[in-house]
Protein backbone atom coordinates (compact mmCIF):
# COMPACT_ATOMS: atom_id res chain seq x y z
CA MET A 1 80.47 140.13 15.12
CA ASN A 2 80.77 143.78 14.94
CA SER A 3 79.11 145.33 11.97
CA PHE A 4 82.41 145.61 9.92
CA ASN A 5 83.13 142.03 10.09
CA LYS A 6 79.89 141.30 8.92
CA LEU A 7 80.26 143.55 5.85
CA VAL A 8 83.66 141.72 5.18
CA LYS A 9 82.21 138.36 5.56
CA ASN A 10 79.02 139.24 3.39
CA PRO A 11 79.42 143.03 1.53
CA TYR A 12 75.55 142.29 0.25
CA ALA A 13 74.78 142.93 4.16
CA LEU A 14 74.81 146.75 3.22
CA PHE A 15 71.35 145.85 1.05
CA ARG A 16 69.74 144.89 4.60
CA LEU A 17 69.95 148.65 5.94
CA PRO A 18 66.66 150.89 5.34
CA ALA A 19 68.95 153.84 4.68
CA VAL A 20 70.43 151.57 1.84
CA GLN A 21 66.91 149.93 0.78
CA ASN A 22 65.63 153.72 0.65
CA LYS A 23 67.95 154.65 -2.13
CA LEU A 24 67.10 151.61 -4.24
CA HIS A 25 63.57 152.35 -5.39
CA TRP A 26 64.25 152.81 -8.92
CA LEU A 27 65.66 149.19 -9.10
CA PRO A 28 63.08 146.50 -10.52
CA ASP A 29 61.83 144.12 -7.85
CA GLU A 30 63.59 140.92 -9.15
CA ALA A 31 67.01 142.95 -9.02
CA TYR A 32 66.10 144.32 -5.91
CA LEU A 33 65.13 140.98 -4.19
CA LYS A 34 68.09 139.41 -5.20
CA LEU A 35 70.43 141.98 -3.44
CA VAL A 36 68.43 142.21 -0.55
CA TYR A 37 68.11 138.05 -0.30
CA ARG A 38 71.75 137.73 -0.69
CA GLY A 39 72.20 140.53 2.31
CA ARG A 40 69.81 139.02 4.62
CA LEU A 41 70.34 135.10 4.04
CA GLY A 42 74.17 135.01 2.57
CA LYS A 43 73.28 133.05 -0.13
CA LYS A 44 71.95 133.57 -4.07
CA LEU A 45 68.51 133.77 -4.67
CA ASN A 46 67.39 131.14 -7.20
CA LEU A 47 64.39 132.09 -8.93
CA GLU A 48 65.00 129.99 -12.40
CA ASN A 49 64.45 126.70 -10.26
CA PRO A 50 63.19 127.52 -6.43
CA LYS A 51 63.13 125.11 -3.92
CA SER A 52 63.45 126.69 -0.44
CA PHE A 53 60.50 128.14 1.53
CA ASN A 54 62.07 131.56 1.22
CA GLU A 55 63.07 131.38 -2.53
CA LYS A 56 59.31 130.29 -3.46
CA LEU A 57 57.68 133.34 -1.49
CA GLN A 58 59.90 135.51 -3.71
CA TRP A 59 58.94 133.86 -6.68
CA LEU A 60 55.60 134.21 -5.81
CA LYS A 61 55.82 138.09 -5.22
CA LEU A 62 56.76 138.41 -8.89
CA HIS A 63 54.54 135.95 -10.48
CA ASP A 64 51.22 135.35 -8.83
CA ARG A 65 49.76 138.66 -8.68
CA ASN A 66 46.13 137.75 -7.57
CA PRO A 67 44.55 141.27 -6.99
CA LEU A 68 42.25 139.75 -3.97
CA TYR A 69 45.62 139.90 -2.03
CA SER A 70 45.59 143.59 -1.56
CA THR A 71 42.45 143.21 0.33
CA LEU A 72 43.33 140.45 2.75
CA VAL A 73 46.65 142.35 3.80
CA ASP A 74 44.64 145.05 4.49
CA LYS A 75 44.04 144.88 8.20
CA TYR A 76 41.04 146.76 8.33
CA ARG A 77 39.18 145.64 4.67
CA VAL A 78 40.15 142.10 5.42
CA LYS A 79 37.59 141.80 8.20
CA GLN A 80 34.37 142.06 6.40
CA TRP A 81 35.91 139.11 3.97
CA VAL A 82 36.49 137.10 6.97
CA ALA A 83 33.25 137.69 8.54
CA ASP A 84 31.49 136.70 5.17
CA LYS A 85 33.76 133.51 4.82
CA ILE A 86 33.73 132.03 8.13
CA GLY A 87 31.45 133.99 10.70
CA PRO A 88 31.40 137.57 12.10
CA GLU A 89 31.78 136.16 15.49
CA TYR A 90 35.74 135.50 14.57
CA VAL A 91 36.41 139.15 13.61
CA THR A 92 37.39 141.79 16.34
CA GLU A 93 34.64 144.75 16.60
CA THR A 94 36.19 148.07 14.71
CA TYR A 95 34.85 151.40 16.88
CA ALA A 96 36.18 154.02 14.38
CA THR A 97 38.50 154.57 11.47
CA TRP A 98 40.65 157.77 10.29
CA ASP A 99 42.74 158.86 7.67
CA HIS A 100 45.07 161.35 9.47
CA ALA A 101 46.55 160.67 12.88
CA GLU A 102 45.64 164.22 14.18
CA ASP A 103 42.30 163.43 13.69
CA ILE A 104 42.21 160.45 16.20
CA ASP A 105 39.69 161.35 18.73
CA ILE A 106 39.09 158.45 21.57
CA SER A 107 36.55 160.27 23.44
CA SER A 108 33.71 157.91 22.70
CA LEU A 109 35.92 154.60 22.91
CA PRO A 110 35.93 152.38 25.69
CA ASP A 111 38.52 152.44 28.66
CA ARG A 112 40.42 149.73 26.84
CA PHE A 113 41.51 149.74 22.68
CA VAL A 114 43.68 148.94 20.40
CA LEU A 115 44.90 151.55 17.67
CA LYS A 116 46.35 150.22 14.34
CA THR A 117 47.30 151.22 10.97
CA ASN A 118 46.11 148.89 8.41
CA HIS A 119 48.77 148.95 5.54
CA ASP A 120 51.93 147.46 7.69
CA SER A 121 53.70 145.61 10.33
CA GLY A 122 53.91 146.75 13.98
CA GLY A 123 51.75 149.68 13.56
CA VAL A 124 50.05 149.26 16.75
CA ALA A 125 49.29 151.27 20.03
CA ILE A 126 47.56 149.87 23.00
CA CYS A 127 45.63 151.23 25.27
CA ARG A 128 44.70 149.35 28.63
CA ASP A 129 43.58 152.47 30.52
CA LYS A 130 42.27 155.46 28.96
CA SER A 131 42.50 157.67 31.72
CA SER A 132 46.41 157.35 31.46
CA PHE A 133 47.17 156.80 27.57
CA ASP A 134 49.48 158.77 25.98
CA LEU A 135 47.54 159.89 22.74
CA GLU A 136 50.09 162.37 21.29
CA SER A 137 52.81 159.84 21.51
CA ALA A 138 50.35 157.19 19.81
CA ARG A 139 49.18 159.93 17.23
CA ALA A 140 52.97 160.78 16.77
CA TYR A 141 54.05 157.11 16.25
CA LEU A 142 51.13 156.04 14.15
CA GLY A 143 51.18 159.15 11.79
CA LYS A 144 54.98 158.45 11.14
CA ARG A 145 53.73 154.90 10.21
CA LEU A 146 50.68 155.94 8.19
CA SER A 147 53.42 158.06 6.02
CA THR A 148 55.42 155.15 5.50
CA SER A 149 54.97 152.53 2.73
CA TYR A 150 55.52 148.98 3.56
CA PHE A 151 56.06 147.85 0.03
CA TRP A 152 59.64 149.05 -0.71
CA SER A 153 61.57 147.06 1.98
CA GLY A 154 60.29 143.68 0.77
CA ARG A 155 58.62 144.55 -2.54
CA GLU A 156 55.44 142.81 -1.23
CA TRP A 157 53.27 144.07 -3.93
CA PRO A 158 49.79 143.89 -2.53
CA TYR A 159 50.67 146.66 -0.08
CA LYS A 160 51.21 148.99 -2.63
CA ASN A 161 47.52 149.13 -3.23
CA VAL A 162 46.55 149.55 0.08
CA LYS A 163 44.93 152.87 1.19
CA PRO A 164 46.61 153.53 4.60
CA LEU A 165 44.23 154.35 7.73
CA ILE A 166 44.25 154.06 11.17
CA PHE A 167 41.63 152.14 13.00
CA ALA A 168 40.34 151.54 16.63
CA GLU A 169 39.11 148.27 17.84
CA GLN A 170 38.43 146.05 20.84
CA TYR A 171 40.92 145.25 23.17
CA LEU A 172 41.48 141.37 23.40
CA ASP A 173 42.08 140.08 26.90
CA PRO A 174 44.19 136.91 27.19
CA ALA A 175 42.93 133.69 27.95
CA ASP A 176 44.89 133.30 30.96
CA GLY A 177 44.44 136.40 32.75
CA SER A 178 47.87 137.33 32.23
CA ASP A 179 49.36 140.59 30.18
CA ASP A 180 50.66 137.90 27.26
CA LEU A 181 48.49 137.27 24.47
CA PRO A 182 49.71 134.43 22.68
CA ASP A 183 49.62 134.95 18.56
CA TYR A 184 48.93 131.61 16.97
CA LYS A 185 50.37 131.22 13.36
CA LEU A 186 49.39 129.07 10.97
CA TYR A 187 51.22 128.15 8.10
CA HIS A 188 48.96 126.78 5.48
CA PHE A 189 50.97 124.97 2.42
CA ASN A 190 48.86 124.25 -0.54
CA THR A 191 50.04 120.41 -0.39
CA GLY A 192 47.80 120.22 2.67
CA HIS A 193 50.55 120.37 5.26
CA ILE A 194 49.88 123.12 8.12
CA VAL A 195 52.42 124.22 10.66
CA SER A 196 51.66 126.31 13.59
CA CYS A 197 53.68 128.92 15.35
CA ALA A 198 53.31 130.13 18.91
CA MET A 199 54.43 133.16 19.44
CA THR A 200 54.40 134.78 23.06
CA GLU A 201 56.25 137.67 25.34
CA ARG A 202 55.69 139.59 22.08
CA PHE A 203 56.10 142.87 24.20
CA THR A 204 59.00 142.29 26.42
CA ASN A 205 62.40 143.53 26.82
CA SER A 206 63.78 140.33 25.80
CA GLY A 207 61.77 139.56 22.81
CA TYR A 208 59.39 137.33 21.58
CA THR A 209 59.66 133.47 21.58
CA ALA A 210 58.60 131.34 18.52
CA THR A 211 57.82 127.65 18.71
CA TYR A 212 56.89 125.75 16.05
CA PHE A 213 54.32 122.63 15.98
CA ASP A 214 52.91 120.45 13.17
CA GLU A 215 49.50 119.13 12.87
CA ASP A 216 49.23 117.18 15.77
CA TRP A 217 50.95 120.02 18.04
CA SER A 218 54.26 117.99 18.62
CA ARG A 219 57.27 120.16 18.50
CA LEU A 220 59.04 120.89 15.08
CA PRO A 221 62.87 120.65 15.61
CA PHE A 222 63.75 124.09 13.94
CA SER A 223 63.18 127.81 15.06
CA ASP A 224 63.80 131.22 14.12
CA LYS A 225 67.37 132.50 14.45
CA GLY A 226 67.92 134.51 17.47
CA HIS A 227 64.33 133.81 18.92
CA SER A 228 63.91 131.31 21.75
CA VAL A 229 61.42 128.47 22.01
CA ARG A 230 59.29 127.54 24.38
CA PRO A 231 58.52 123.83 24.13
CA ASP A 232 56.03 123.62 27.15
CA ILE A 233 53.15 125.67 25.61
CA PRO A 234 50.20 123.52 25.64
CA VAL A 235 47.66 122.74 22.92
CA PRO A 236 45.09 125.55 22.38
CA ASP A 237 41.77 124.33 23.12
CA SER A 238 40.68 125.48 19.69
CA PHE A 239 43.54 124.38 17.84
CA GLU A 240 41.27 122.04 15.99
CA GLU A 241 39.12 124.91 14.98
CA MET A 242 42.11 127.07 14.04
CA LYS A 243 43.02 124.53 11.62
CA ARG A 244 39.57 124.19 10.18
CA LEU A 245 39.34 127.88 9.82
CA SER A 246 42.85 128.40 8.32
CA ASP A 247 41.69 125.78 5.75
CA ARG A 248 38.83 127.36 4.85
CA LEU A 249 40.60 130.89 4.40
CA ALA A 250 43.66 129.43 2.27
CA GLY A 251 41.29 128.24 -0.15
CA ASN A 252 43.59 127.54 -3.19
CA PHE A 253 46.43 130.08 -2.25
CA PRO A 254 49.88 128.41 -2.89
CA PHE A 255 50.63 129.70 0.87
CA VAL A 256 49.19 131.89 3.50
CA ARG A 257 49.97 132.44 7.04
CA THR A 258 46.69 132.97 8.98
CA ASP A 259 46.97 134.40 12.65
CA PHE A 260 44.56 133.62 15.44
CA TYR A 261 44.22 134.75 19.18
CA VAL A 262 42.26 133.25 21.91
CA SER A 263 40.73 135.78 24.16
CA GLY A 264 38.43 133.99 27.09
CA SER A 265 36.97 131.04 25.25
CA ARG A 266 36.47 133.09 22.00
CA LEU A 267 38.74 132.58 18.81
CA ILE A 268 39.70 135.51 16.94
CA PHE A 269 41.02 136.23 13.80
CA GLY A 270 43.92 138.19 13.43
CA GLU A 271 45.72 138.97 10.02
CA MET A 272 46.59 137.10 6.66
CA THR A 273 50.15 137.25 5.51
CA PHE A 274 51.44 135.95 2.16
CA TYR A 275 55.27 136.45 2.48
CA SER A 276 56.00 135.39 5.92
CA ALA A 277 58.85 137.56 7.18
CA SER A 278 58.96 138.89 3.52
CA GLY A 279 60.69 135.18 2.66
CA PHE A 280 63.81 136.17 4.65
CA GLU A 281 63.29 133.49 7.28
CA ASP A 282 66.16 132.68 8.68
CA TRP A 283 65.43 128.97 9.96
CA GLU A 284 67.87 127.01 12.42
CA PRO A 285 68.70 124.31 11.13
CA SER A 286 68.72 125.79 7.64
CA ASP A 287 67.50 122.46 5.89
CA TRP A 288 64.33 123.22 7.20
CA ASP A 289 64.04 126.12 4.24
CA GLU A 290 64.16 123.46 1.72
CA ARG A 291 61.61 120.94 3.42
CA LEU A 292 58.96 123.28 4.04
CA GLY A 293 59.84 124.78 0.51
CA SER A 294 58.80 121.24 -1.16
CA TRP A 295 55.59 121.88 0.48
CA ILE A 296 54.74 125.03 -1.70
CA ASN A 297 53.54 123.78 -5.28
CA LEU A 298 54.16 126.85 -7.35
CA PRO A 299 51.38 127.80 -9.97
CA GLU A 300 52.26 128.23 -13.60
CA GLU A 301 54.06 131.87 -14.03
CA GLY A 302 51.78 134.73 -14.47
CA ILE A 303 48.51 132.96 -13.15
CA SER A 304 46.72 134.56 -10.58
CA LEU A 305 44.32 131.82 -8.38
């Protein structure tokens, strides 16, 4: 279906476009989220009686304003919190930080490293060989990311209070010696449920795969629309440890997704996310949206946990 036909079917699809969203900064959060939700998922956002996973995440954006969230979504500053909570052995080493992209200096860094922005999603430059690393391209890319606010597109308020910076951290070797480092994303619900997503092939032209499993690593019968699955993914050796750590990090939060990597025999914390896919997950089949939503018990309005 071409873009014109999509607009005819759902005129609200206009509000999916970044160019349109950038002109809507004046809109209050609730009004904005209703428009973008209709554009992204093709249905009205029910905030008066939210039932689905996506509806409840939008509700939490508006009503659960725990100030700790701004630290926990900060990819650099969360490291100390996680180290204090579960131990420094689960946290990647940070080599350096910079406030401006043009100040990035890799001369003292090891041969392999990763550069990241702390305040958004996707601000990453991976160096596998310093002798051939295109530093200027990395500076240009990360500098552009540094100047962009991650708050506006999804109104995820914790990011509004994150002071942007660039940091260099250690490169993680995949456990199996390949170039693909699987990302294990544990969705933690305050009813005690845990859903795990194994994301592979994240840096391929064909796009990443996302496969969902339950607490026993049995394949769950749903997927992200537009992304393939790999049901043959073996259970990680550290899966029980992942669940235990996820539970400790999640505490009493209504919902949080905690990401992990496995490098060699070492389990590594990745990041914490309170609004997975910004609350616009397009599940197939769609009835899983409400089923997953039933696993989140919302707090009373205005309470920060």
